[in-house]
Amino acid sequence: MQEESVKRSAPVLHSDPEILGGTPVFVGTRVPVQSLFDYLRGGETLDEFLHQFPSVQREQAVAALELARDALVTGARPA
């Protein structure tokens, strides 16, 4: 799966105190990852988000959503 290779081969998210005070952003951009979740929560589509933030690649956005999903699924499993 292509998204899997994106997650493993290249970082998707980055946090640097010099960029937006350390707010996690998509690698190579100044777009906060939180913006993606805000757009989706507000009823916007992934395509609308990508249109508003053209510096974010579709693969990055999909990989960020998969990372969030994986964290939730892993955290919800009983120990």
N, C-alpha and C. Protein backbone atom coordinates (compact mmCIF):
# COMPACT_ATOMS: atom_id res chain seq x y z
N MET A 1 0.84 -1.18 0.00
CA MET A 1 0.00 0.00 0.00
C MET A 1 0.88 1.25 0.00
N GLN A 2 0.58 2.22 -0.83
CA GLN A 2 1.45 3.39 -0.97
C GLN A 2 1.50 4.22 0.30
N GLU A 3 0.36 4.40 0.98
CA GLU A 3 0.36 5.20 2.19
C GLU A 3 1.27 4.59 3.26
N GLU A 4 1.30 3.27 3.34
CA GLU A 4 2.17 2.60 4.30
C GLU A 4 3.62 2.97 4.04
N SER A 5 4.02 3.01 2.77
CA SER A 5 5.41 3.33 2.47
C SER A 5 5.71 4.78 2.80
N VAL A 6 4.72 5.67 2.68
CA VAL A 6 4.94 7.07 3.05
C VAL A 6 5.20 7.17 4.55
N LYS A 7 4.39 6.47 5.35
CA LYS A 7 4.56 6.53 6.80
C LYS A 7 5.93 6.01 7.22
N ARG A 8 6.37 4.97 6.57
CA ARG A 8 7.62 4.34 7.00
C ARG A 8 8.85 4.97 6.38
N SER A 9 8.74 5.49 5.15
CA SER A 9 9.93 5.95 4.47
C SER A 9 10.23 7.42 4.72
N ALA A 10 9.22 8.22 4.99
CA ALA A 10 9.44 9.65 5.18
C ALA A 10 8.56 10.15 6.31
N PRO A 11 9.11 11.00 7.16
CA PRO A 11 8.27 11.55 8.22
C PRO A 11 7.15 12.40 7.62
N VAL A 12 6.02 12.35 8.24
CA VAL A 12 4.85 13.08 7.79
C VAL A 12 4.68 14.36 8.60
N LEU A 13 4.97 14.26 9.89
CA LEU A 13 4.78 15.37 10.81
C LEU A 13 6.12 15.82 11.37
N HIS A 14 6.14 17.08 11.75
CA HIS A 14 7.38 17.65 12.28
C HIS A 14 7.02 18.67 13.36
N SER A 15 7.81 18.71 14.39
CA SER A 15 7.63 19.72 15.44
C SER A 15 8.98 20.35 15.73
N ASP A 16 9.04 21.67 15.60
CA ASP A 16 10.27 22.42 15.79
C ASP A 16 9.93 23.70 16.53
N PRO A 17 10.60 23.99 17.63
CA PRO A 17 10.30 25.21 18.38
C PRO A 17 10.40 26.48 17.53
N GLU A 18 11.16 26.43 16.44
CA GLU A 18 11.33 27.59 15.57
C GLU A 18 10.18 27.74 14.55
N ILE A 19 9.35 26.72 14.44
CA ILE A 19 8.21 26.77 13.51
C ILE A 19 6.92 26.73 14.31
N LEU A 20 6.21 27.84 14.30
CA LEU A 20 4.93 27.96 15.01
C LEU A 20 5.03 27.51 16.46
N GLY A 21 6.15 27.81 17.09
CA GLY A 21 6.33 27.51 18.51
C GLY A 21 6.31 26.03 18.86
N GLY A 22 6.62 25.19 17.89
CA GLY A 22 6.66 23.75 18.16
C GLY A 22 5.37 23.03 17.83
N THR A 23 4.38 23.74 17.31
CA THR A 23 3.13 23.10 16.90
C THR A 23 3.43 22.07 15.81
N PRO A 24 2.91 20.85 15.94
CA PRO A 24 3.15 19.85 14.89
C PRO A 24 2.59 20.32 13.54
N VAL A 25 3.45 20.25 12.53
CA VAL A 25 3.08 20.67 11.17
C VAL A 25 3.40 19.53 10.21
N PHE A 26 2.83 19.61 9.01
CA PHE A 26 3.20 18.68 7.96
C PHE A 26 4.62 19.00 7.51
N VAL A 27 5.43 17.98 7.33
CA VAL A 27 6.82 18.15 6.91
C VAL A 27 6.88 18.99 5.64
N GLY A 28 7.79 19.96 5.65
CA GLY A 28 8.01 20.81 4.49
C GLY A 28 7.01 21.95 4.36
N THR A 29 6.16 22.12 5.38
CA THR A 29 5.15 23.18 5.35
C THR A 29 5.12 23.88 6.70
N ARG A 30 4.29 24.89 6.77
CA ARG A 30 3.98 25.54 8.05
C ARG A 30 2.51 25.32 8.37
N VAL A 31 1.93 24.26 7.83
CA VAL A 31 0.52 23.95 8.02
C VAL A 31 0.37 23.05 9.24
N PRO A 32 -0.30 23.54 10.28
CA PRO A 32 -0.51 22.70 11.47
C PRO A 32 -1.37 21.48 11.14
N VAL A 33 -0.99 20.36 11.67
CA VAL A 33 -1.76 19.13 11.49
C VAL A 33 -3.17 19.32 12.05
N GLN A 34 -3.29 20.10 13.10
CA GLN A 34 -4.59 20.37 13.70
C GLN A 34 -5.57 20.95 12.68
N SER A 35 -5.07 21.68 11.70
CA SER A 35 -5.93 22.25 10.67
C SER A 35 -6.68 21.17 9.91
N LEU A 36 -6.02 20.06 9.63
CA LEU A 36 -6.68 18.96 8.94
C LEU A 36 -7.85 18.45 9.76
N PHE A 37 -7.62 18.22 11.03
CA PHE A 37 -8.69 17.70 11.89
C PHE A 37 -9.81 18.73 12.05
N ASP A 38 -9.45 20.00 12.13
CA ASP A 38 -10.47 21.06 12.23
C ASP A 38 -11.34 21.09 10.97
N TYR A 39 -10.73 20.96 9.82
CA TYR A 39 -11.49 20.95 8.57
C TYR A 39 -12.45 19.77 8.54
N LEU A 40 -11.96 18.60 8.87
CA LEU A 40 -12.80 17.41 8.83
C LEU A 40 -13.92 17.49 9.88
N ARG A 41 -13.60 17.97 11.05
CA ARG A 41 -14.61 18.12 12.11
C ARG A 41 -15.68 19.11 11.68
N GLY A 42 -15.31 20.12 10.91
CA GLY A 42 -16.25 21.12 10.43
C GLY A 42 -17.08 20.67 9.24
N GLY A 43 -16.89 19.43 8.79
CA GLY A 43 -17.68 18.91 7.70
C GLY A 43 -17.07 19.08 6.33
N GLU A 44 -15.86 19.63 6.27
CA GLU A 44 -15.17 19.80 4.99
C GLU A 44 -14.56 18.46 4.57
N THR A 45 -14.29 18.32 3.29
CA THR A 45 -13.68 17.09 2.78
C THR A 45 -12.16 17.22 2.76
N LEU A 46 -11.51 16.09 2.58
CA LEU A 46 -10.06 16.08 2.44
C LEU A 46 -9.66 16.90 1.22
N ASP A 47 -10.41 16.78 0.14
CA ASP A 47 -10.09 17.56 -1.06
C ASP A 47 -10.19 19.06 -0.80
N GLU A 48 -11.18 19.49 -0.02
CA GLU A 48 -11.30 20.91 0.31
C GLU A 48 -10.11 21.38 1.14
N PHE A 49 -9.69 20.56 2.08
CA PHE A 49 -8.51 20.89 2.89
C PHE A 49 -7.29 21.05 1.99
N LEU A 50 -7.08 20.08 1.10
CA LEU A 50 -5.92 20.12 0.21
C LEU A 50 -5.97 21.31 -0.74
N HIS A 51 -7.15 21.72 -1.13
CA HIS A 51 -7.29 22.90 -1.98
C HIS A 51 -6.88 24.16 -1.23
N GLN A 52 -7.24 24.25 0.04
CA GLN A 52 -6.91 25.42 0.86
C GLN A 52 -5.44 25.43 1.28
N PHE A 53 -4.82 24.26 1.35
CA PHE A 53 -3.43 24.14 1.79
C PHE A 53 -2.64 23.34 0.74
N PRO A 54 -2.36 23.95 -0.41
CA PRO A 54 -1.72 23.22 -1.51
C PRO A 54 -0.30 22.73 -1.21
N SER A 55 0.32 23.24 -0.15
CA SER A 55 1.67 22.76 0.18
C SER A 55 1.63 21.38 0.84
N VAL A 56 0.45 20.95 1.28
CA VAL A 56 0.31 19.61 1.87
C VAL A 56 -0.05 18.63 0.76
N GLN A 57 0.71 17.55 0.69
CA GLN A 57 0.43 16.52 -0.32
C GLN A 57 -0.64 15.58 0.20
N ARG A 58 -1.43 15.06 -0.72
CA ARG A 58 -2.50 14.12 -0.33
C ARG A 58 -1.93 12.96 0.49
N GLU A 59 -0.78 12.44 0.08
CA GLU A 59 -0.18 11.31 0.79
C GLU A 59 0.15 11.67 2.23
N GLN A 60 0.58 12.93 2.45
CA GLN A 60 0.88 13.37 3.82
C GLN A 60 -0.40 13.39 4.66
N ALA A 61 -1.46 13.94 4.11
CA ALA A 61 -2.71 14.05 4.85
C ALA A 61 -3.27 12.66 5.17
N VAL A 62 -3.26 11.76 4.20
CA VAL A 62 -3.75 10.41 4.42
C VAL A 62 -2.89 9.70 5.47
N ALA A 63 -1.58 9.86 5.38
CA ALA A 63 -0.70 9.23 6.36
C ALA A 63 -0.94 9.78 7.76
N ALA A 64 -1.19 11.08 7.88
CA ALA A 64 -1.48 11.67 9.20
C ALA A 64 -2.77 11.09 9.77
N LEU A 65 -3.78 10.93 8.94
CA LEU A 65 -5.03 10.33 9.40
C LEU A 65 -4.82 8.88 9.81
N GLU A 66 -4.00 8.17 9.07
CA GLU A 66 -3.70 6.78 9.43
C GLU A 66 -2.92 6.69 10.74
N LEU A 67 -2.00 7.62 10.94
CA LEU A 67 -1.26 7.64 12.22
C LEU A 67 -2.22 7.88 13.38
N ALA A 68 -3.15 8.80 13.20
CA ALA A 68 -4.13 9.09 14.25
C ALA A 68 -5.01 7.87 14.50
N ARG A 69 -5.47 7.24 13.43
CA ARG A 69 -6.29 6.04 13.56
C ARG A 69 -5.53 4.95 14.31
N ASP A 70 -4.29 4.71 13.89
CA ASP A 70 -3.48 3.67 14.53
C ASP A 70 -3.29 3.95 16.02
N ALA A 71 -3.06 5.21 16.37
CA ALA A 71 -2.88 5.57 17.78
C ALA A 71 -4.15 5.32 18.57
N LEU A 72 -5.29 5.66 17.98
CA LEU A 72 -6.57 5.44 18.67
C LEU A 72 -6.88 3.96 18.82
N VAL A 73 -6.67 3.20 17.78
CA VAL A 73 -6.97 1.77 17.82
C VAL A 73 -6.05 1.07 18.81
N THR A 74 -4.78 1.40 18.76
CA THR A 74 -3.81 0.78 19.68
C THR A 74 -4.12 1.16 21.12
N GLY A 75 -4.47 2.42 21.35
CA GLY A 75 -4.78 2.89 22.71
C GLY A 75 -6.08 2.34 23.25
N ALA A 76 -6.98 1.89 22.37
CA ALA A 76 -8.29 1.39 22.80
C ALA A 76 -8.26 -0.10 23.11
N ARG A 77 -7.19 -0.77 22.75
CA ARG A 77 -7.11 -2.22 23.01
C ARG A 77 -6.79 -2.48 24.47
N PRO A 78 -7.47 -3.44 25.06
CA PRO A 78 -7.16 -3.78 26.47
C PRO A 78 -5.76 -4.38 26.58
N ALA A 79 -5.12 -4.09 27.68
CA ALA A 79 -3.75 -4.59 27.90
C ALA A 79 -3.75 -6.03 28.33
